[in-house]
Amino acid sequence: MRKGVKVTLVGGVFAVMVGGAGYGAYNLVNGVTGGGGSPAAGPAAVKTGPPTSGEIGEATEKFFTAWAKGDAEEAASYTNNAEVASKILTGYREDAHLTKVKLTPGRATGTIVPFSVRATVSYKGKTKPLAYDSELTVVRGETTGRALVDWDPSVVHPDLKRDDTLQTGEAAAPPIQAVDRHGTVLDKKDYPSLGPVLDQLRAKYGDKAGGTPGVELYVQHADEDAGTETLLTLAKGKAGQLKTTLSAPAQRAAEKAVAQHANSSVVAVRPSSGEVLAVANHREDEFNAAFEGKMAPGSTMKIVSAATLIDKGVTKASGPAPCPDSATWQSRTVSNLPGLAPDENASLADSFARSCNTAFVKLVDEDGITDGTLTEEAQNRFGLGLDWKVGIRTVDGSVPASGGGDRAMNMIGQGEVQMNPLNMASVTATAMTGAFRQPVIVAQGLDDRELAQADGLPASTVQQLRQMMNRTAVSGTGARAMAGLSGSIGAKTGSAEVDGQETPNSWFTGYRGDVAAAAVAQEGGHGGDTAGPIVAAVLAAGS
């Protein structure tokens, strides 16, 4: 652990009760008189409504003045959560060792005031300047009516979240120099979306990489798995080299591809080994949704559903899977995407390539299919939900046994199913090779962690899945996105409806050679329109 006292941000709301208010109200209600025989005066009216521009300026000035002079208690008194604010503002000086603070407000927009911070970090004879920008919001206090700073940890520093702390001291872990599978250095400057990944790798493997810690100002995240985030280095440590399974060309292509659409994520893996080749996110919050997201995967889930139908003998690629306009199961009626013509003579391969929802819904009541059948296939064949040990924190897919209408909805990747691009890239890799190989981002031998195991798929099921995915990539819903890619290719599109969103999430997964990739673009529409080009770009880069 880093040296020094740890100050923690605590959740909750601090409320102030004016001392005489309750008593005055009680007296008035009960008719108690004060001096001179007149009824006792009630509490003064509390101001309501948004704070005025004058109040915003005054509250901001008082808060900044107290903060700059290091009076945490006074500064906190100008916020609506004084107890919590006082702790982090005390830590700003005592644990982060920040002095000579200069706060300069910008032009307010409504109740939001942007500001710049200039300060000095001093620790055991080492001193460096620090500069950053933040913002605050002024609100009306609910109990006092005063104009107050709406407290949030990000007021102190934009990278602080709930229960995070600012610290200056010896690093908890030595720095690392992460390299790809071929020895190319991977850093945050050249590969910005790797930032959270590199922070977690440093926290977990920094000691094993052989470096020595330096002295830093850093954010200590409340979630220990997230590691620390270095804000300023006062004395450099010695970085130890950490080899990852990533591929610099694939990573570069992934970063460039997700940059085209906000809130998009992509993962590429090597099916023959389970090694992660690329992981990229385009998000303002720096959340690693590619590994940790929990979203309905839409029709990309039909890879697992098709395997279930084949393995249970319900149908086969060339067997019947009629595609009507609509289908109902347990009072849940499902339709297809607009423009998809019905086909009562469709085979499973036809309905898969055209992404027909109703075909899969009609088959959920066949012999051999129960509420838990899809769950068993997902876990036992594809390794989903088995507590993967990838090397950093991940969410490993959830396919619960669902009754009622959700049994049908799960089959088409809605209902209660939740996935992320890492999960779906692994699903595609398993469908392509027949073997579940748990994804890893660093070699298992680095820490001898136990990898998840699953049975994989029968050879005949693999042959049929590859046939259907190839058809989807060549002439089905994935054809436009996959056009121009040569070699052995396959794909599956998905559009996932989300409550409160007008536009569905765009999903796409595919393979080419020994690379499988999956992407999601939130509110990206049809799978082939937004997520499809992201996956295609990563597949084109190879490994």
Protein backbone atom coordinates (compact mmCIF):
# COMPACT_ATOMS: atom_id res chain seq x y z
CA MET A 1 0.00 0.00 0.00
CA ARG A 2 1.09 3.59 -0.47
CA LYS A 3 2.47 5.34 2.57
CA GLY A 4 0.49 7.91 4.58
CA VAL A 5 -2.96 8.29 6.03
CA LYS A 6 -5.80 7.34 3.69
CA VAL A 7 -8.74 9.72 3.50
CA THR A 8 -11.90 8.15 2.11
CA LEU A 9 -14.88 9.85 0.52
CA VAL A 10 -18.06 8.57 2.16
CA GLY A 11 -21.48 8.64 0.54
CA GLY A 12 -24.59 10.14 2.11
CA VAL A 13 -26.21 13.54 2.51
CA PHE A 14 -25.43 15.96 5.31
CA ALA A 15 -28.47 17.92 6.48
CA VAL A 16 -28.50 20.86 8.87
CA MET A 17 -31.43 21.56 11.18
CA VAL A 18 -31.65 25.19 12.30
CA GLY A 19 -31.72 25.09 16.12
CA GLY A 20 -34.82 27.21 16.82
CA ALA A 21 -36.89 26.23 13.81
CA GLY A 22 -38.43 23.09 15.21
CA TYR A 23 -39.17 24.66 18.59
CA GLY A 24 -40.72 27.80 17.05
CA ALA A 25 -42.95 25.71 14.84
CA TYR A 26 -44.01 23.58 17.79
CA ASN A 27 -44.90 26.65 19.88
CA LEU A 28 -46.90 28.23 17.07
CA VAL A 29 -48.93 25.09 16.46
CA ASN A 30 -49.71 24.74 20.15
CA GLY A 31 -50.58 28.42 20.69
CA VAL A 32 -47.77 29.14 23.16
CA THR A 33 -47.18 32.87 23.45
CA GLY A 34 -43.94 34.69 23.77
CA GLY A 35 -43.14 37.92 25.60
CA GLY A 36 -45.89 40.59 25.56
CA GLY A 37 -48.60 38.00 24.98
CA SER A 38 -48.00 37.78 21.22
CA PRO A 39 -47.68 34.44 19.49
CA ALA A 40 -44.01 33.36 19.10
CA ALA A 41 -42.63 34.15 15.66
CA GLY A 42 -42.24 31.19 13.26
CA PRO A 43 -39.04 30.42 11.38
CA ALA A 44 -37.96 32.78 8.63
CA ALA A 45 -39.07 31.74 5.18
CA VAL A 46 -36.52 29.55 3.40
CA LYS A 47 -35.55 30.74 -0.06
CA THR A 48 -36.54 28.47 -2.94
CA GLY A 49 -35.86 28.27 -6.65
CA PRO A 50 -32.55 28.31 -8.52
CA PRO A 51 -29.79 30.52 -7.07
CA THR A 52 -29.31 33.90 -8.70
CA SER A 53 -26.16 34.87 -10.56
CA GLY A 54 -25.13 37.00 -7.59
CA GLU A 55 -25.61 34.12 -5.19
CA ILE A 56 -23.64 31.81 -7.51
CA GLY A 57 -20.73 34.25 -7.60
CA GLU A 58 -20.76 34.79 -3.84
CA ALA A 59 -20.95 31.06 -2.98
CA THR A 60 -18.17 30.24 -5.44
CA GLU A 61 -15.91 33.03 -4.13
CA LYS A 62 -16.33 31.99 -0.48
CA PHE A 63 -15.71 28.32 -1.31
CA PHE A 64 -12.60 29.09 -3.37
CA THR A 65 -11.17 31.50 -0.77
CA ALA A 66 -11.44 28.95 2.02
CA TRP A 67 -10.13 26.10 -0.14
CA ALA A 68 -7.13 28.14 -1.33
CA LYS A 69 -6.09 29.07 2.21
CA GLY A 70 -6.36 25.44 3.31
CA ASP A 71 -9.33 25.80 5.65
CA ALA A 72 -11.16 22.58 4.79
CA GLU A 73 -13.87 22.98 7.41
CA GLU A 74 -14.80 26.48 6.28
CA ALA A 75 -14.72 25.53 2.58
CA ALA A 76 -16.92 22.53 3.31
CA SER A 77 -19.46 24.77 5.05
CA TYR A 78 -20.21 26.33 1.65
CA THR A 79 -21.25 22.93 0.23
CA ASN A 80 -24.40 20.86 0.64
CA ASN A 81 -22.45 17.91 2.05
CA ALA A 82 -20.08 19.48 4.58
CA GLU A 83 -19.06 16.28 6.39
CA VAL A 84 -17.86 14.52 3.25
CA ALA A 85 -16.41 17.64 1.65
CA SER A 86 -14.35 18.42 4.75
CA LYS A 87 -12.67 15.02 4.67
CA ILE A 88 -11.57 15.18 1.05
CA LEU A 89 -10.52 18.84 1.28
CA THR A 90 -8.47 17.99 4.39
CA GLY A 91 -6.87 15.13 2.47
CA TYR A 92 -6.11 17.51 -0.40
CA ARG A 93 -3.59 19.30 1.81
CA GLU A 94 -2.54 16.64 4.31
CA ASP A 95 -2.41 13.46 2.17
CA ALA A 96 -1.97 14.79 -1.35
CA HIS A 97 0.43 17.47 -0.01
CA LEU A 98 -0.99 20.19 -2.27
CA THR A 99 -0.20 23.79 -1.31
CA LYS A 100 -0.07 27.25 -2.89
CA VAL A 101 -3.49 26.62 -4.38
CA LYS A 102 -4.80 29.18 -6.88
CA LEU A 103 -8.38 28.81 -8.12
CA THR A 104 -9.58 30.84 -11.08
CA PRO A 105 -13.27 30.74 -12.04
CA GLY A 106 -14.38 30.92 -15.67
CA ARG A 107 -17.62 32.23 -17.09
CA ALA A 108 -20.60 30.51 -15.49
CA THR A 109 -23.16 28.72 -17.66
CA GLY A 110 -26.36 28.75 -15.67
CA THR A 111 -25.45 27.27 -12.30
CA ILE A 112 -22.27 25.56 -13.57
CA VAL A 113 -18.96 27.30 -12.91
CA PRO A 114 -15.83 26.02 -14.68
CA PHE A 115 -12.52 26.80 -13.01
CA SER A 116 -8.80 26.19 -13.27
CA VAL A 117 -6.52 24.98 -10.49
CA ARG A 118 -2.85 25.76 -10.04
CA ALA A 119 -1.08 24.19 -7.07
CA THR A 120 2.25 22.86 -5.86
CA VAL A 121 2.90 19.27 -4.80
CA SER A 122 5.61 18.97 -2.15
CA TYR A 123 6.77 15.69 -0.63
CA LYS A 124 10.00 14.98 1.26
CA GLY A 125 11.99 17.68 -0.48
CA LYS A 126 10.55 17.02 -3.95
CA THR A 127 8.35 19.73 -5.46
CA LYS A 128 6.42 20.04 -8.71
CA PRO A 129 3.66 22.30 -10.05
CA LEU A 130 0.24 20.87 -10.86
CA ALA A 131 -2.42 22.35 -13.15
CA TYR A 132 -5.85 21.05 -14.13
CA ASP A 133 -9.42 22.15 -14.85
CA SER A 134 -12.65 21.23 -13.11
CA GLU A 135 -16.15 22.57 -12.55
CA LEU A 136 -18.76 22.92 -9.85
CA THR A 137 -22.51 23.47 -9.67
CA VAL A 138 -24.23 25.83 -7.26
CA VAL A 139 -27.62 24.72 -5.90
CA ARG A 140 -30.14 25.91 -3.36
CA GLY A 141 -29.76 24.20 0.03
CA GLU A 142 -32.87 22.17 0.77
CA THR A 143 -33.01 22.98 4.49
CA THR A 144 -31.28 26.37 4.64
CA GLY A 145 -32.19 27.98 1.32
CA ARG A 146 -28.56 29.10 0.99
CA ALA A 147 -26.67 28.98 -2.30
CA LEU A 148 -24.22 26.10 -1.86
CA VAL A 149 -21.71 24.16 -3.91
CA ASP A 150 -23.32 20.85 -4.93
CA TRP A 151 -20.75 18.48 -3.51
CA ASP A 152 -19.16 15.85 -5.70
CA PRO A 153 -15.59 14.45 -5.49
CA SER A 154 -14.95 15.63 -9.06
CA VAL A 155 -15.07 19.22 -7.80
CA VAL A 156 -11.68 18.63 -6.18
CA HIS A 157 -10.30 16.76 -9.21
CA PRO A 158 -12.20 15.57 -12.30
CA ASP A 159 -10.78 12.05 -11.99
CA LEU A 160 -12.09 11.53 -8.46
CA LYS A 161 -15.16 9.38 -8.05
CA ARG A 162 -17.10 8.32 -4.98
CA ASP A 163 -14.85 6.88 -2.24
CA ASP A 164 -11.65 7.60 -4.22
CA THR A 165 -8.78 9.44 -2.51
CA LEU A 166 -5.93 11.72 -3.55
CA GLN A 167 -2.52 10.68 -2.24
CA THR A 168 1.11 11.65 -2.67
CA GLY A 169 3.76 9.14 -1.69
CA GLU A 170 5.63 6.05 -2.72
CA ALA A 171 3.70 4.15 -5.39
CA ALA A 172 1.76 1.07 -4.34
CA ALA A 173 3.20 -0.79 -7.32
CA PRO A 174 6.22 -0.13 -9.50
CA PRO A 175 5.50 1.30 -12.96
CA ILE A 176 5.32 -1.12 -15.85
CA GLN A 177 6.37 -0.96 -19.46
CA ALA A 178 3.67 -3.01 -21.15
CA VAL A 179 4.64 -4.56 -24.45
CA ASP A 180 2.63 -6.45 -27.04
CA ARG A 181 3.18 -10.01 -28.17
CA HIS A 182 6.01 -8.86 -30.47
CA GLY A 183 7.73 -6.52 -27.98
CA THR A 184 6.20 -3.23 -29.15
CA VAL A 185 5.70 -0.80 -26.26
CA LEU A 186 2.07 -0.04 -25.39
CA ASP A 187 1.54 3.27 -23.59
CA LYS A 188 -1.37 5.58 -22.84
CA LYS A 189 -0.11 8.28 -25.19
CA ASP A 190 -0.17 6.12 -28.32
CA TYR A 191 -3.04 3.87 -27.22
CA PRO A 192 -5.26 6.12 -25.05
CA SER A 193 -8.13 3.69 -24.53
CA LEU A 194 -5.69 1.24 -22.92
CA GLY A 195 -5.37 3.61 -19.94
CA PRO A 196 -7.69 1.74 -17.53
CA VAL A 197 -6.29 -1.61 -18.71
CA LEU A 198 -2.68 -0.54 -18.08
CA ASP A 199 -3.61 0.85 -14.65
CA GLN A 200 -5.12 -2.50 -13.65
CA LEU A 201 -2.16 -4.43 -15.05
CA ARG A 202 0.24 -2.25 -13.08
CA ALA A 203 -1.73 -2.73 -9.85
CA LYS A 204 -1.81 -6.50 -10.25
CA TYR A 205 1.53 -7.30 -11.87
CA GLY A 206 3.79 -4.32 -11.13
CA ASP A 207 5.63 -6.20 -8.38
CA LYS A 208 6.09 -9.25 -10.61
CA ALA A 209 7.47 -7.19 -13.50
CA GLY A 210 10.66 -6.37 -11.57
CA GLY A 211 10.53 -2.56 -11.33
CA THR A 212 10.91 -0.22 -8.37
CA PRO A 213 8.27 2.31 -7.23
CA GLY A 214 8.63 6.06 -7.61
CA VAL A 215 6.98 8.97 -5.81
CA GLU A 216 3.69 10.15 -7.30
CA LEU A 217 0.53 12.14 -6.81
CA TYR A 218 -2.18 9.63 -7.62
CA VAL A 219 -5.84 8.73 -7.37
CA GLN A 220 -6.37 5.70 -5.16
CA HIS A 221 -9.54 4.16 -6.53
CA ALA A 222 -12.01 2.75 -4.04
CA ASP A 223 -12.15 -0.44 -6.09
CA GLU A 224 -8.73 -1.97 -5.44
CA ASP A 225 -8.91 -3.98 -8.67
CA ALA A 226 -8.93 -0.68 -10.59
CA GLY A 227 -5.50 0.15 -9.17
CA THR A 228 -4.23 3.72 -9.01
CA GLU A 229 -4.18 6.53 -11.53
CA THR A 230 -0.99 8.59 -11.62
CA LEU A 231 -1.60 12.34 -11.93
CA LEU A 232 1.96 13.60 -11.45
CA THR A 233 5.35 11.94 -10.99
CA LEU A 234 7.70 13.62 -8.53
CA ALA A 235 10.41 10.97 -8.72
CA LYS A 236 10.45 8.32 -11.38
CA GLY A 237 10.53 4.66 -10.43
CA LYS A 238 12.09 1.98 -12.56
CA ALA A 239 9.57 0.35 -14.88
CA GLY A 240 9.53 -3.41 -15.17
CA GLN A 241 8.60 -4.91 -18.53
CA LEU A 242 5.27 -6.75 -18.70
CA LYS A 243 4.50 -8.80 -21.79
CA THR A 244 0.85 -8.90 -22.79
CA THR A 245 -0.99 -10.93 -25.41
CA LEU A 246 -2.05 -7.76 -27.24
CA SER A 247 -1.10 -7.01 -30.84
CA ALA A 248 -0.05 -3.43 -31.57
CA PRO A 249 -1.45 -3.45 -35.15
CA ALA A 250 -4.80 -4.86 -33.97
CA GLN A 251 -4.89 -2.45 -31.04
CA ARG A 252 -4.16 0.52 -33.30
CA ALA A 253 -6.95 -0.52 -35.67
CA ALA A 254 -9.34 -1.02 -32.74
CA GLU A 255 -8.64 2.43 -31.30
CA LYS A 256 -9.12 4.08 -34.69
CA ALA A 257 -12.34 2.18 -35.34
CA VAL A 258 -14.09 2.98 -32.03
CA ALA A 259 -13.13 6.64 -32.39
CA GLN A 260 -15.78 6.89 -35.12
CA HIS A 261 -18.68 6.30 -32.71
CA ALA A 262 -19.22 7.45 -29.13
CA ASN A 263 -19.85 4.79 -26.49
CA SER A 264 -18.48 1.98 -28.61
CA SER A 265 -16.24 -0.91 -27.58
CA VAL A 266 -14.44 -3.76 -29.35
CA VAL A 267 -12.41 -6.85 -28.41
CA ALA A 268 -10.40 -9.20 -30.59
CA VAL A 269 -9.12 -12.62 -29.50
CA ARG A 270 -7.08 -15.40 -31.08
CA PRO A 271 -9.40 -18.45 -31.30
CA SER A 272 -6.53 -20.93 -31.32
CA SER A 273 -5.26 -19.75 -27.92
CA GLY A 274 -7.80 -17.42 -26.28
CA GLU A 275 -5.24 -14.60 -26.21
CA VAL A 276 -6.71 -11.10 -26.30
CA LEU A 277 -5.31 -9.20 -29.28
CA ALA A 278 -7.08 -5.87 -28.83
CA VAL A 279 -9.42 -4.07 -26.43
CA ALA A 280 -10.64 -0.55 -27.08
CA ASN A 281 -13.37 1.77 -25.81
CA HIS A 282 -14.58 5.21 -26.83
CA ARG A 283 -16.19 6.59 -23.69
CA GLU A 284 -15.92 9.80 -21.69
CA ASP A 285 -16.08 7.94 -18.37
CA GLU A 286 -13.11 5.64 -19.18
CA PHE A 287 -15.17 2.60 -18.14
CA ASN A 288 -13.81 -0.57 -19.73
CA ALA A 289 -17.17 -1.60 -21.19
CA ALA A 290 -15.38 -3.97 -23.58
CA PHE A 291 -14.49 -6.22 -20.61
CA GLU A 292 -16.92 -5.13 -17.89
CA GLY A 293 -20.10 -4.12 -19.69
CA LYS A 294 -23.46 -5.79 -19.10
CA MET A 295 -25.76 -5.36 -22.08
CA ALA A 296 -28.29 -7.37 -24.04
CA PRO A 297 -26.35 -8.66 -27.09
CA GLY A 298 -29.31 -8.83 -29.47
CA SER A 299 -29.15 -11.32 -32.31
CA THR A 300 -25.44 -12.06 -31.88
CA MET A 301 -26.76 -14.37 -29.15
CA LYS A 302 -28.29 -16.51 -31.91
CA ILE A 303 -24.89 -18.18 -32.25
CA VAL A 304 -25.44 -19.77 -28.84
CA SER A 305 -29.15 -20.29 -29.51
CA ALA A 306 -28.50 -22.01 -32.85
CA ALA A 307 -25.93 -24.28 -31.19
CA THR A 308 -28.53 -25.13 -28.54
CA LEU A 309 -31.14 -26.09 -31.14
CA ILE A 310 -28.62 -28.22 -33.04
CA ASP A 311 -27.14 -29.91 -29.96
CA LYS A 312 -30.63 -30.74 -28.63
CA GLY A 313 -31.71 -32.22 -31.96
CA VAL A 314 -34.50 -29.66 -32.45
CA THR A 315 -33.28 -28.78 -35.94
CA LYS A 316 -30.09 -28.37 -37.96
CA ALA A 317 -28.63 -25.82 -40.36
CA SER A 318 -30.52 -27.35 -43.28
CA GLY A 319 -33.54 -28.22 -41.13
CA PRO A 320 -36.78 -26.26 -40.73
CA ALA A 321 -36.93 -22.90 -38.94
CA PRO A 322 -39.96 -21.07 -40.42
CA CYS A 323 -39.87 -17.27 -40.29
CA PRO A 324 -43.39 -15.79 -39.88
CA ASP A 325 -44.16 -12.10 -39.43
CA SER A 326 -44.66 -12.56 -35.70
CA ALA A 327 -44.52 -15.27 -33.05
CA THR A 328 -45.92 -15.48 -29.53
CA TRP A 329 -44.65 -17.36 -26.50
CA GLN A 330 -46.18 -17.07 -23.04
CA SER A 331 -48.12 -13.94 -24.04
CA ARG A 332 -44.93 -12.31 -25.38
CA THR A 333 -45.26 -11.42 -29.06
CA VAL A 334 -42.08 -10.90 -31.08
CA SER A 335 -41.71 -9.38 -34.54
CA ASN A 336 -38.86 -9.11 -37.00
CA LEU A 337 -37.02 -6.00 -38.11
CA PRO A 338 -38.97 -3.90 -40.61
CA GLY A 339 -38.59 -5.06 -44.20
CA LEU A 340 -37.86 -8.71 -43.44
CA ALA A 341 -40.23 -10.76 -45.56
CA PRO A 342 -41.78 -13.85 -43.95
CA ASP A 343 -40.65 -17.27 -45.13
CA GLU A 344 -42.59 -20.28 -43.87
CA ASN A 345 -40.20 -22.63 -45.69
CA ALA A 346 -37.00 -21.18 -44.22
CA SER A 347 -34.23 -23.40 -42.90
CA LEU A 348 -32.23 -22.57 -39.77
CA ALA A 349 -29.41 -21.33 -42.01
CA ASP A 350 -31.87 -19.05 -43.86
CA SER A 351 -33.29 -17.59 -40.66
CA PHE A 352 -29.84 -17.20 -39.09
CA ALA A 353 -28.39 -15.36 -42.09
CA ARG A 354 -31.44 -13.05 -42.29
CA SER A 355 -31.55 -12.65 -38.48
CA CYS A 356 -35.16 -13.77 -38.18
CA ASN A 357 -36.34 -13.40 -34.58
CA THR A 358 -39.60 -15.27 -34.97
CA ALA A 359 -37.91 -18.46 -36.16
CA PHE A 360 -36.04 -18.80 -32.87
CA VAL A 361 -39.08 -17.88 -30.77
CA LYS A 362 -41.23 -20.54 -32.49
CA LEU A 363 -38.69 -23.23 -31.56
CA VAL A 364 -38.53 -22.55 -27.79
CA ASP A 365 -41.44 -24.89 -27.05
CA GLU A 366 -39.94 -27.88 -28.89
CA ASP A 367 -39.09 -31.07 -27.00
CA GLY A 368 -35.73 -30.78 -25.30
CA ILE A 369 -35.95 -27.02 -24.72
CA THR A 370 -36.66 -25.95 -21.14
CA ASP A 371 -36.14 -22.76 -19.15
CA GLY A 372 -32.58 -23.85 -18.34
CA THR A 373 -31.49 -25.30 -21.69
CA LEU A 374 -29.91 -22.12 -23.07
CA THR A 375 -28.15 -21.55 -19.74
CA GLU A 376 -26.61 -25.01 -19.83
CA GLU A 377 -25.40 -24.55 -23.41
CA ALA A 378 -23.90 -21.14 -22.59
CA GLN A 379 -21.99 -22.44 -19.57
CA ASN A 380 -21.06 -25.98 -20.56
CA ARG A 381 -20.26 -25.39 -24.23
CA PHE A 382 -19.22 -21.71 -24.41
CA GLY A 383 -17.82 -21.17 -20.89
CA LEU A 384 -19.99 -18.14 -20.17
CA GLY A 385 -20.49 -17.05 -16.56
CA LEU A 386 -17.68 -19.22 -15.19
CA ASP A 387 -15.57 -16.58 -13.36
CA TRP A 388 -12.87 -16.02 -15.97
CA LYS A 389 -9.35 -15.12 -14.83
CA VAL A 390 -8.30 -12.97 -17.77
CA GLY A 391 -5.61 -11.04 -15.91
CA ILE A 392 -7.67 -7.93 -15.12
CA ARG A 393 -11.25 -7.43 -14.00
CA THR A 394 -13.95 -8.76 -16.34
CA VAL A 395 -17.64 -9.60 -16.39
CA ASP A 396 -18.06 -13.02 -17.93
CA GLY A 397 -21.56 -13.08 -19.37
CA SER A 398 -24.91 -13.96 -17.85
CA VAL A 399 -27.51 -16.30 -19.36
CA PRO A 400 -29.94 -17.06 -16.53
CA ALA A 401 -32.57 -19.79 -16.65
CA SER A 402 -35.66 -17.74 -17.43
CA GLY A 403 -39.30 -18.68 -17.42
CA GLY A 404 -42.31 -17.16 -19.10
CA GLY A 405 -41.77 -14.82 -22.00
CA ASP A 406 -38.10 -14.33 -21.14
CA ARG A 407 -37.30 -17.89 -22.27
CA ALA A 408 -38.08 -16.74 -25.82
CA MET A 409 -36.49 -13.32 -25.42
CA ASN A 410 -33.24 -14.84 -24.17
CA MET A 411 -33.00 -16.88 -27.38
CA ILE A 412 -32.78 -13.66 -29.40
CA GLY A 413 -30.38 -11.90 -27.05
CA GLN A 414 -32.92 -9.78 -25.18
CA GLY A 415 -34.74 -10.72 -21.97
CA GLU A 416 -32.29 -11.33 -19.14
CA VAL A 417 -29.16 -12.13 -21.18
CA GLN A 418 -26.21 -9.79 -20.62
CA MET A 419 -22.91 -9.74 -22.48
CA ASN A 420 -19.99 -7.53 -23.47
CA PRO A 421 -17.66 -7.60 -26.49
CA LEU A 422 -15.15 -9.85 -24.70
CA ASN A 423 -17.87 -12.45 -24.11
CA MET A 424 -19.14 -12.35 -27.69
CA ALA A 425 -15.64 -12.48 -29.19
CA SER A 426 -15.08 -15.61 -27.10
CA VAL A 427 -18.43 -17.06 -28.26
CA THR A 428 -17.37 -16.56 -31.87
CA ALA A 429 -13.97 -18.12 -31.20
CA THR A 430 -15.64 -21.17 -29.64
CA ALA A 431 -18.09 -21.47 -32.55
CA MET A 432 -15.17 -21.27 -34.98
CA THR A 433 -12.88 -23.83 -33.34
CA GLY A 434 -15.23 -25.94 -31.19
CA ALA A 435 -13.00 -25.43 -28.14
CA PHE A 436 -13.60 -22.95 -25.33
CA ARG A 437 -10.32 -21.27 -24.52
CA GLN A 438 -10.78 -18.75 -21.74
CA PRO A 439 -9.53 -15.32 -22.88
CA VAL A 440 -6.30 -14.04 -21.29
CA ILE A 441 -4.45 -10.73 -21.57
CA VAL A 442 -1.27 -11.92 -19.84
CA ALA A 443 0.15 -15.43 -19.82
CA GLN A 444 -1.36 -17.83 -17.29
CA GLY A 445 2.15 -18.76 -16.12
CA LEU A 446 2.76 -15.23 -14.83
CA ASP A 447 0.70 -15.94 -11.72
CA ASP A 448 -0.48 -19.54 -12.20
CA ARG A 449 -4.12 -18.51 -12.01
CA GLU A 450 -6.73 -21.17 -12.71
CA LEU A 451 -8.54 -20.68 -16.01
CA ALA A 452 -12.19 -21.54 -16.57
CA GLN A 453 -12.93 -24.80 -18.37
CA ALA A 454 -15.87 -25.84 -20.56
CA ASP A 455 -16.67 -28.83 -22.77
CA GLY A 456 -16.78 -27.01 -26.10
CA LEU A 457 -18.91 -28.04 -29.09
CA PRO A 458 -19.32 -31.24 -31.11
CA ALA A 459 -17.56 -31.17 -34.47
CA SER A 460 -20.84 -31.40 -36.39
CA THR A 461 -22.22 -28.35 -34.55
CA VAL A 462 -19.05 -26.38 -35.31
CA GLN A 463 -19.32 -27.24 -39.00
CA GLN A 464 -22.92 -26.00 -39.13
CA LEU A 465 -22.22 -22.80 -37.16
CA ARG A 466 -19.31 -21.92 -39.44
CA GLN A 467 -21.45 -22.58 -42.47
CA MET A 468 -24.20 -20.28 -41.18
CA MET A 469 -21.80 -17.55 -40.06
CA ASN A 470 -19.99 -17.64 -43.38
CA ARG A 471 -23.27 -17.27 -45.23
CA THR A 472 -24.17 -14.30 -43.02
CA ALA A 473 -20.84 -12.66 -43.83
CA VAL A 474 -21.04 -13.32 -47.56
CA SER A 475 -24.70 -12.83 -48.43
CA GLY A 476 -26.63 -12.19 -45.21
CA THR A 477 -27.03 -9.25 -42.83
CA GLY A 478 -23.26 -8.98 -42.30
CA ALA A 479 -22.28 -8.89 -45.96
CA ARG A 480 -21.94 -5.12 -46.37
CA ALA A 481 -19.68 -4.74 -43.34
CA MET A 482 -17.53 -7.76 -44.26
CA ALA A 483 -17.20 -6.89 -47.95
CA GLY A 484 -13.57 -6.79 -49.05
CA LEU A 485 -12.29 -9.20 -46.40
CA SER A 486 -10.69 -12.27 -47.92
CA GLY A 487 -10.02 -15.71 -46.51
CA SER A 488 -12.17 -17.74 -44.13
CA ILE A 489 -14.76 -15.34 -42.73
CA GLY A 490 -17.96 -15.47 -40.72
CA ALA A 491 -20.25 -13.01 -38.94
CA LYS A 492 -23.43 -12.37 -37.00
CA THR A 493 -25.27 -9.08 -36.59
CA GLY A 494 -27.38 -7.89 -33.68
CA SER A 495 -29.65 -4.99 -32.73
CA ALA A 496 -30.56 -4.83 -29.05
CA GLU A 497 -33.57 -2.86 -27.89
CA VAL A 498 -33.00 -0.93 -24.65
CA ASP A 499 -35.72 0.65 -22.52
CA GLY A 500 -35.63 4.43 -22.82
CA GLN A 501 -33.62 4.43 -26.05
CA GLU A 502 -35.18 5.35 -29.38
CA THR A 503 -32.32 3.72 -31.27
CA PRO A 504 -31.15 0.17 -30.46
CA ASN A 505 -27.59 -0.78 -29.59
CA SER A 506 -25.60 -2.02 -32.55
CA TRP A 507 -23.80 -5.38 -32.13
CA PHE A 508 -21.58 -7.32 -34.51
CA THR A 509 -19.25 -10.28 -34.17
CA GLY A 510 -17.15 -12.03 -36.75
CA TYR A 511 -14.00 -13.97 -37.56
CA ARG A 512 -11.29 -14.00 -40.19
CA GLY A 513 -8.40 -16.41 -40.12
CA ASP A 514 -7.23 -16.81 -36.52
CA VAL A 515 -8.93 -13.64 -35.25
CA ALA A 516 -12.40 -13.33 -33.73
CA ALA A 517 -13.79 -9.92 -32.79
CA ALA A 518 -16.96 -8.41 -31.37
CA ALA A 519 -18.15 -4.84 -30.96
CA VAL A 520 -21.05 -2.86 -29.55
CA ALA A 521 -21.98 0.73 -30.34
CA GLN A 522 -24.61 2.07 -27.98
CA GLU A 523 -27.53 3.63 -29.86
CA GLY A 524 -25.76 2.68 -33.08
CA GLY A 525 -28.79 1.12 -34.79
CA HIS A 526 -28.55 -2.00 -36.93
CA GLY A 527 -25.61 -4.28 -36.21
CA GLY A 528 -24.16 -4.05 -39.69
CA ASP A 529 -24.31 -0.26 -39.78
CA THR A 530 -22.10 0.79 -36.87
CA ALA A 531 -20.58 -2.14 -34.96
CA GLY A 532 -20.00 -4.04 -38.23
CA PRO A 533 -17.40 -1.62 -39.65
CA ILE A 534 -15.59 -1.56 -36.28
CA VAL A 535 -15.22 -5.36 -36.28
CA ALA A 536 -14.27 -5.44 -39.96
CA ALA A 537 -11.49 -2.90 -39.40
CA VAL A 538 -9.99 -4.99 -36.59
CA LEU A 539 -10.26 -8.21 -38.61
CA ALA A 540 -8.54 -6.51 -41.54
CA ALA A 541 -5.58 -5.62 -39.30
CA GLY A 542 -5.04 -9.27 -38.37
CA SER A 543 -2.86 -10.26 -35.43
